[in-house]
Structure formats: C-alpha cells, structure tokens
Amino acid sequence: MPIININIFERTLEEKRKLVEKVTDAVVEATGFKKEWVQIIITEIKQENIAQGGKLAVDNKN
C-alpha cells in the first residue's frame, strides 16, 4: 500500500481535492496498485514557517 506525503503551502479544499485525485491517478498508472490502496497525507505549511535564501516565504515577493 503506497503512502504519499505531500508538503505544500496552505491551499483551498478544492485545490487539495484536485491534487489528491491527480496524484492518486499517477501512482495507480505508475505502480498498478488499486486506487483504493493509495493513501496521501497532506501537510500544509504556513508561509511564515518556511524560508528560502535567508528570507521567510511570506516576505519573498517573487
């Protein structure tokens, strides 16, 4: 049974629905596992809790 962990910035419920549907389909296609066996754990990260290049993501204007 595959367990997929996804770490992303906070997203809407609809965005997460689309994400898990597409990831599940990709795992099924690549591995042949049954769709109902695929588990996905989403960890949402607030932009204030991650930094890149010495700056918090919330402060990055790019």
C-alpha atoms as a PDB file:
ATOM      1  CA  MET A   1       0.000   0.000   0.000  1.00  0.00           C
ATOM      2  CA  PRO A   2       1.687   3.247  -1.104  1.00  0.00           C
ATOM      3  CA  ILE A   3       1.646   6.177   1.301  1.00  0.00           C
ATOM      4  CA  ILE A   4       2.436   9.519  -0.313  1.00  0.00           C
ATOM      5  CA  ASN A   5       3.445  12.521   1.819  1.00  0.00           C
ATOM      6  CA  ILE A   6       2.923  15.972   0.322  1.00  0.00           C
ATOM      7  CA  ASN A   7       4.218  19.143   1.971  1.00  0.00           C
ATOM      8  CA  ILE A   8       2.672  22.283   0.462  1.00  0.00           C
ATOM      9  CA  PHE A   9       1.785  25.837   1.323  1.00  0.00           C
ATOM     10  CA  GLU A  10      -1.812  26.185   2.502  1.00  0.00           C
ATOM     11  CA  ARG A  11      -4.335  25.544  -0.271  1.00  0.00           C
ATOM     12  CA  THR A  12      -8.100  25.580  -0.639  1.00  0.00           C
ATOM     13  CA  LEU A  13     -10.134  22.438  -0.174  1.00  0.00           C
ATOM     14  CA  GLU A  14     -10.863  22.339  -3.918  1.00  0.00           C
ATOM     15  CA  GLU A  15      -7.152  22.576  -4.773  1.00  0.00           C
ATOM     16  CA  LYS A  16      -6.401  19.714  -2.392  1.00  0.00           C
ATOM     17  CA  ARG A  17      -9.177  17.619  -3.939  1.00  0.00           C
ATOM     18  CA  LYS A  18      -7.657  18.107  -7.402  1.00  0.00           C
ATOM     19  CA  LEU A  19      -4.177  17.383  -6.099  1.00  0.00           C
ATOM     20  CA  VAL A  20      -5.050  14.083  -4.435  1.00  0.00           C
ATOM     21  CA  GLU A  21      -7.068  12.954  -7.450  1.00  0.00           C
ATOM     22  CA  LYS A  22      -4.196  13.581  -9.871  1.00  0.00           C
ATOM     23  CA  VAL A  23      -1.509  12.161  -7.586  1.00  0.00           C
ATOM     24  CA  THR A  24      -3.606   9.055  -6.953  1.00  0.00           C
ATOM     25  CA  ASP A  25      -4.124   8.544 -10.689  1.00  0.00           C
ATOM     26  CA  ALA A  26      -0.376   8.926 -11.322  1.00  0.00           C
ATOM     27  CA  VAL A  27       0.513   6.397  -8.613  1.00  0.00           C
ATOM     28  CA  VAL A  28      -2.021   3.900  -9.970  1.00  0.00           C
ATOM     29  CA  GLU A  29      -0.682   4.321 -13.510  1.00  0.00           C
ATOM     30  CA  ALA A  30       2.969   4.009 -12.454  1.00  0.00           C
ATOM     31  CA  THR A  31       2.621   1.141  -9.989  1.00  0.00           C
ATOM     32  CA  GLY A  32      -0.535  -0.766 -10.845  1.00  0.00           C
ATOM     33  CA  PHE A  33      -1.808  -0.512  -7.270  1.00  0.00           C
ATOM     34  CA  LYS A  34      -5.558  -0.282  -6.852  1.00  0.00           C
ATOM     35  CA  LYS A  35      -6.831   3.269  -6.409  1.00  0.00           C
ATOM     36  CA  GLU A  36      -8.336   2.467  -3.016  1.00  0.00           C
ATOM     37  CA  TRP A  37      -4.924   1.345  -1.721  1.00  0.00           C
ATOM     38  CA  VAL A  38      -3.266   4.721  -2.305  1.00  0.00           C
ATOM     39  CA  GLN A  39      -3.013   6.881   0.811  1.00  0.00           C
ATOM     40  CA  ILE A  40      -1.995  10.535   0.712  1.00  0.00           C
ATOM     41  CA  ILE A  41      -1.015  12.662   3.688  1.00  0.00           C
ATOM     42  CA  ILE A  42      -1.047  16.416   3.100  1.00  0.00           C
ATOM     43  CA  THR A  43       0.918  18.628   5.451  1.00  0.00           C
ATOM     44  CA  GLU A  44       0.113  22.290   4.933  1.00  0.00           C
ATOM     45  CA  ILE A  45       2.828  24.783   5.741  1.00  0.00           C
ATOM     46  CA  LYS A  46       2.154  28.413   6.525  1.00  0.00           C
ATOM     47  CA  GLN A  47       4.393  30.726   4.507  1.00  0.00           C
ATOM     48  CA  GLU A  48       5.576  32.257   7.766  1.00  0.00           C
ATOM     49  CA  ASN A  49       7.069  28.885   8.746  1.00  0.00           C
ATOM     50  CA  ILE A  50       9.404  28.294   5.798  1.00  0.00           C
ATOM     51  CA  ALA A  51      12.362  30.216   4.455  1.00  0.00           C
ATOM     52  CA  GLN A  52      14.493  30.124   1.336  1.00  0.00           C
ATOM     53  CA  GLY A  53      17.600  32.127   0.634  1.00  0.00           C
ATOM     54  CA  GLY A  54      17.582  33.602   4.114  1.00  0.00           C
ATOM     55  CA  LYS A  55      14.087  35.077   3.804  1.00  0.00           C
ATOM     56  CA  LEU A  56      10.724  33.882   5.056  1.00  0.00           C
ATOM     57  CA  ALA A  57       8.476  32.826   2.188  1.00  0.00           C
ATOM     58  CA  VAL A  58       5.840  35.287   3.383  1.00  0.00           C
ATOM     59  CA  ASP A  59       8.360  38.109   2.798  1.00  0.00           C
ATOM     60  CA  ASN A  60       9.503  36.878  -0.615  1.00  0.00           C
ATOM     61  CA  LYS A  61       7.924  38.939  -3.380  1.00  0.00           C
ATOM     62  CA  ASN A  62       8.874  36.540  -6.212  1.00  0.00           C
END
